[in-house]
C-alpha atoms as a PDB file:
ATOM      1  CA  MET A   1      24.250  10.783  -2.506  1.00  0.00           C
ATOM      2  CA  ALA A   2      28.175  11.642  -2.992  1.00  0.00           C
ATOM      3  CA  GLY A   3      29.828   9.571  -6.371  1.00  0.00           C
ATOM      4  CA  TYR A   4      33.074   8.403  -7.093  1.00  0.00           C
ATOM      5  CA  SER A   5      35.774  10.444  -8.341  1.00  0.00           C
ATOM      6  CA  SER A   6      37.651  10.347 -11.823  1.00  0.00           C
ATOM      7  CA  ASN A   7      41.012  10.925 -12.334  1.00  0.00           C
ATOM      8  CA  ALA A   8      40.592  12.873 -15.502  1.00  0.00           C
ATOM      9  CA  SER A   9      43.757  14.953 -15.825  1.00  0.00           C
ATOM     10  CA  GLU A  10      46.342  11.975 -15.434  1.00  0.00           C
ATOM     11  CA  LYS A  11      44.644   9.366 -17.879  1.00  0.00           C
ATOM     12  CA  LYS A  12      46.249   7.498 -20.922  1.00  0.00           C
ATOM     13  CA  SER A  13      45.080   6.875 -24.196  1.00  0.00           C
ATOM     14  CA  SER A  14      47.056   3.277 -24.417  1.00  0.00           C
ATOM     15  CA  ASP A  15      45.409   2.399 -20.563  1.00  0.00           C
ATOM     16  CA  ALA A  16      42.307   0.955 -20.318  1.00  0.00           C
ATOM     17  CA  VAL A  17      42.738   0.768 -16.248  1.00  0.00           C
ATOM     18  CA  ASP A  18      42.849   4.551 -16.376  1.00  0.00           C
ATOM     19  CA  ASP A  19      39.278   4.627 -17.468  1.00  0.00           C
ATOM     20  CA  LEU A  20      38.100   2.886 -14.091  1.00  0.00           C
ATOM     21  CA  PRO A  21      36.587   5.267 -11.991  1.00  0.00           C
ATOM     22  CA  ILE A  22      38.662   5.806  -8.167  1.00  0.00           C
ATOM     23  CA  LEU A  23      36.957   4.468  -5.332  1.00  0.00           C
ATOM     24  CA  ASN A  24      36.402   6.981  -2.795  1.00  0.00           C
ATOM     25  CA  ALA A  25      36.021   5.555   0.706  1.00  0.00           C
ATOM     26  CA  GLU A  26      34.000   8.250   2.453  1.00  0.00           C
ATOM     27  CA  ASN A  27      31.674   8.919   0.008  1.00  0.00           C
ATOM     28  CA  LEU A  28      31.178   5.194  -0.642  1.00  0.00           C
ATOM     29  CA  GLN A  29      30.491   4.823   3.657  1.00  0.00           C
ATOM     30  CA  ASN A  30      28.005   7.469   3.233  1.00  0.00           C
ATOM     31  CA  ASN A  31      26.040   5.947   0.650  1.00  0.00           C
ATOM     32  CA  LEU A  32      25.837   2.837   2.326  1.00  0.00           C
ATOM     33  CA  LYS A  33      24.748   4.656   5.709  1.00  0.00           C
ATOM     34  CA  ILE A  34      22.087   6.112   3.683  1.00  0.00           C
ATOM     35  CA  ILE A  35      21.014   2.967   2.211  1.00  0.00           C
ATOM     36  CA  TYR A  36      21.110   1.876   5.631  1.00  0.00           C
ATOM     37  CA  TYR A  37      19.241   4.736   7.194  1.00  0.00           C
ATOM     38  CA  SER A  38      16.358   4.895   4.634  1.00  0.00           C
ATOM     39  CA  ARG A  39      15.492   0.883   4.892  1.00  0.00           C
ATOM     40  CA  THR A  40      15.007   1.319   8.709  1.00  0.00           C
ATOM     41  CA  PHE A  41      13.022   4.947   8.702  1.00  0.00           C
ATOM     42  CA  LEU A  42      10.620   3.408   6.516  1.00  0.00           C
ATOM     43  CA  SER A  43      10.536  -0.645   7.703  1.00  0.00           C
ATOM     44  CA  ILE A  44       9.173   1.354  10.885  1.00  0.00           C
ATOM     45  CA  ILE A  45       6.956   3.463   8.912  1.00  0.00           C
ATOM     46  CA  GLY A  46       5.445   0.597   6.997  1.00  0.00           C
ATOM     47  CA  GLY A  47       5.452  -1.321   9.776  1.00  0.00           C
ATOM     48  CA  VAL A  48       2.966   1.314  12.054  1.00  0.00           C
ATOM     49  CA  ILE A  49       0.957   1.500   8.553  1.00  0.00           C
ATOM     50  CA  ALA A  50       0.652  -2.670   8.132  1.00  0.00           C
ATOM     51  CA  GLY A  51      -0.501  -2.143  11.678  1.00  0.00           C
ATOM     52  CA  ILE A  52      -2.891   0.070  11.638  1.00  0.00           C
ATOM     53  CA  LEU A  53      -4.240  -1.573   8.373  1.00  0.00           C
ATOM     54  CA  GLY A  54      -4.303  -4.518  10.572  1.00  0.00           C
ATOM     55  CA  PHE A  55      -2.620  -7.104   8.271  1.00  0.00           C
ATOM     56  CA  THR A  56      -1.567 -10.290  10.072  1.00  0.00           C
ATOM     57  CA  SER A  57       0.473 -13.349   8.705  1.00  0.00           C
ATOM     58  CA  LEU A  58       1.852 -13.522   5.336  1.00  0.00           C
ATOM     59  CA  THR A  59       0.060 -10.461   4.369  1.00  0.00           C
ATOM     60  CA  GLY A  60       2.303  -7.938   6.540  1.00  0.00           C
ATOM     61  CA  PHE A  61       5.148  -9.681   5.405  1.00  0.00           C
ATOM     62  CA  ILE A  62       4.067  -9.292   1.346  1.00  0.00           C
ATOM     63  CA  PHE A  63       3.712  -5.905   2.584  1.00  0.00           C
ATOM     64  CA  TYR A  64       7.249  -5.330   4.254  1.00  0.00           C
ATOM     65  CA  PHE A  65       8.565  -6.865   1.229  1.00  0.00           C
ATOM     66  CA  LEU A  66       6.120  -4.022  -1.270  1.00  0.00           C
ATOM     67  CA  VAL A  67       7.651  -1.413   0.675  1.00  0.00           C
ATOM     68  CA  MET A  68      11.335  -2.449   0.226  1.00  0.00           C
ATOM     69  CA  ALA A  69      10.535  -2.804  -3.654  1.00  0.00           C
ATOM     70  CA  ILE A  70       9.749   0.945  -3.523  1.00  0.00           C
ATOM     71  CA  THR A  71      12.584   1.579  -1.079  1.00  0.00           C
ATOM     72  CA  SER A  72      15.103  -0.298  -3.854  1.00  0.00           C
ATOM     73  CA  ILE A  73      13.670   2.033  -6.732  1.00  0.00           C
ATOM     74  CA  GLY A  74      13.411   5.180  -5.228  1.00  0.00           C
ATOM     75  CA  LEU A  75      17.207   4.687  -3.977  1.00  0.00           C
ATOM     76  CA  ALA A  76      17.987   4.251  -7.607  1.00  0.00           C
ATOM     77  CA  ALA A  77      16.031   6.368  -8.751  1.00  0.00           C
ATOM     78  CA  LYS A  78      18.183   8.967  -6.679  1.00  0.00           C
ATOM     79  CA  ALA A  79      21.121   7.506  -8.080  1.00  0.00           C
ATOM     80  CA  GLY A  80      19.987   7.992 -11.536  1.00  0.00           C
ATOM     81  CA  PHE A  81      20.070   4.157 -12.512  1.00  0.00           C
ATOM     82  CA  SER A  82      23.591   4.248 -12.732  1.00  0.00           C
ATOM     83  CA  PHE A  83      24.892   2.565  -9.721  1.00  0.00           C
ATOM     84  CA  HIS A  84      28.464   1.808 -10.149  1.00  0.00           C
ATOM     85  CA  SER A  85      28.855   5.599  -9.835  1.00  0.00           C
ATOM     86  CA  TYR A  86      27.732   4.916  -6.495  1.00  0.00           C
ATOM     87  CA  PHE A  87      28.342   1.931  -5.545  1.00  0.00           C
ATOM     88  CA  GLU A  88      30.679  -1.078  -5.904  1.00  0.00           C
ATOM     89  CA  SER A  89      27.971  -3.260  -7.047  1.00  0.00           C
ATOM     90  CA  TRP A  90      24.028  -2.694  -8.114  1.00  0.00           C
ATOM     91  CA  ASN A  91      23.231  -5.721  -4.758  1.00  0.00           C
ATOM     92  CA  GLN A  92      24.380  -2.941  -2.041  1.00  0.00           C
ATOM     93  CA  ILE A  93      21.067  -0.858  -2.965  1.00  0.00           C
ATOM     94  CA  LEU A  94      19.018  -3.746  -3.427  1.00  0.00           C
ATOM     95  CA  LEU A  95      19.796  -6.270  -0.621  1.00  0.00           C
ATOM     96  CA  ASP A  96      21.683  -3.798   2.397  1.00  0.00           C
ATOM     97  CA  GLY A  97      19.493  -3.692   5.384  1.00  0.00           C
ATOM     98  CA  PHE A  98      16.790  -5.971   4.462  1.00  0.00           C
ATOM     99  CA  LEU A  99      17.312  -8.158   7.658  1.00  0.00           C
ATOM    100  CA  SER A 100      17.956  -5.225  10.005  1.00  0.00           C
ATOM    101  CA  GLY A 101      15.034  -3.388   8.613  1.00  0.00           C
ATOM    102  CA  LEU A 102      12.672  -6.335   8.802  1.00  0.00           C
ATOM    103  CA  MET A 103      13.323  -6.615  12.578  1.00  0.00           C
ATOM    104  CA  SER A 104      12.171  -2.915  12.939  1.00  0.00           C
ATOM    105  CA  PHE A 105       9.401  -4.043  10.462  1.00  0.00           C
ATOM    106  CA  VAL A 106       7.999  -6.290  12.777  1.00  0.00           C
ATOM    107  CA  LEU A 107       8.428  -4.422  16.639  1.00  0.00           C
ATOM    108  CA  PHE A 108       6.370  -1.586  14.965  1.00  0.00           C
ATOM    109  CA  TRP A 109       4.023  -3.789  13.322  1.00  0.00           C
ATOM    110  CA  THR A 110       2.919  -5.464  16.556  1.00  0.00           C
ATOM    111  CA  PHE A 111       3.381  -2.449  18.493  1.00  0.00           C
ATOM    112  CA  ALA A 112       0.853  -0.503  16.272  1.00  0.00           C
ATOM    113  CA  TYR A 113      -1.474  -3.797  16.119  1.00  0.00           C
ATOM    114  CA  ASP A 114      -2.110  -4.232  19.082  1.00  0.00           C
ATOM    115  CA  ILE A 115      -2.278  -0.098  20.098  1.00  0.00           C
ATOM    116  CA  VAL A 116      -5.262   0.360  17.037  1.00  0.00           C
ATOM    117  CA  HIS A 117      -6.689  -3.078  17.446  1.00  0.00           C
ATOM    118  CA  ILE A 118      -7.117  -4.355  21.129  1.00  0.00           C
ATOM    119  CA  PHE A 119     -10.371  -5.047  21.517  1.00  0.00           C
END
């Protein structure tokens, strides 16, 4: 993950504003892409696993929330639990791509369930 760049050479001790990290838009955009792709990939894998295990109704959705919680913890660990070094807020690492991942999960969940449990 790409982090923010700091402006260490131009710091003034009297200005507290200079202590804030400078936002690098390219790095932030790359980090958000990583979150989106990670959630989509793990939603697909989780959907296939839920379908193979035969989860139905509420059990499958609980499994999705469990997969997304593990994904969020993994992304936070990858960022070293310092959210503000890589993202604007901690909500981005927890919630971005959540609903789009749900659609992928349901698609592959039903697909795998129908293939494995047809009879």
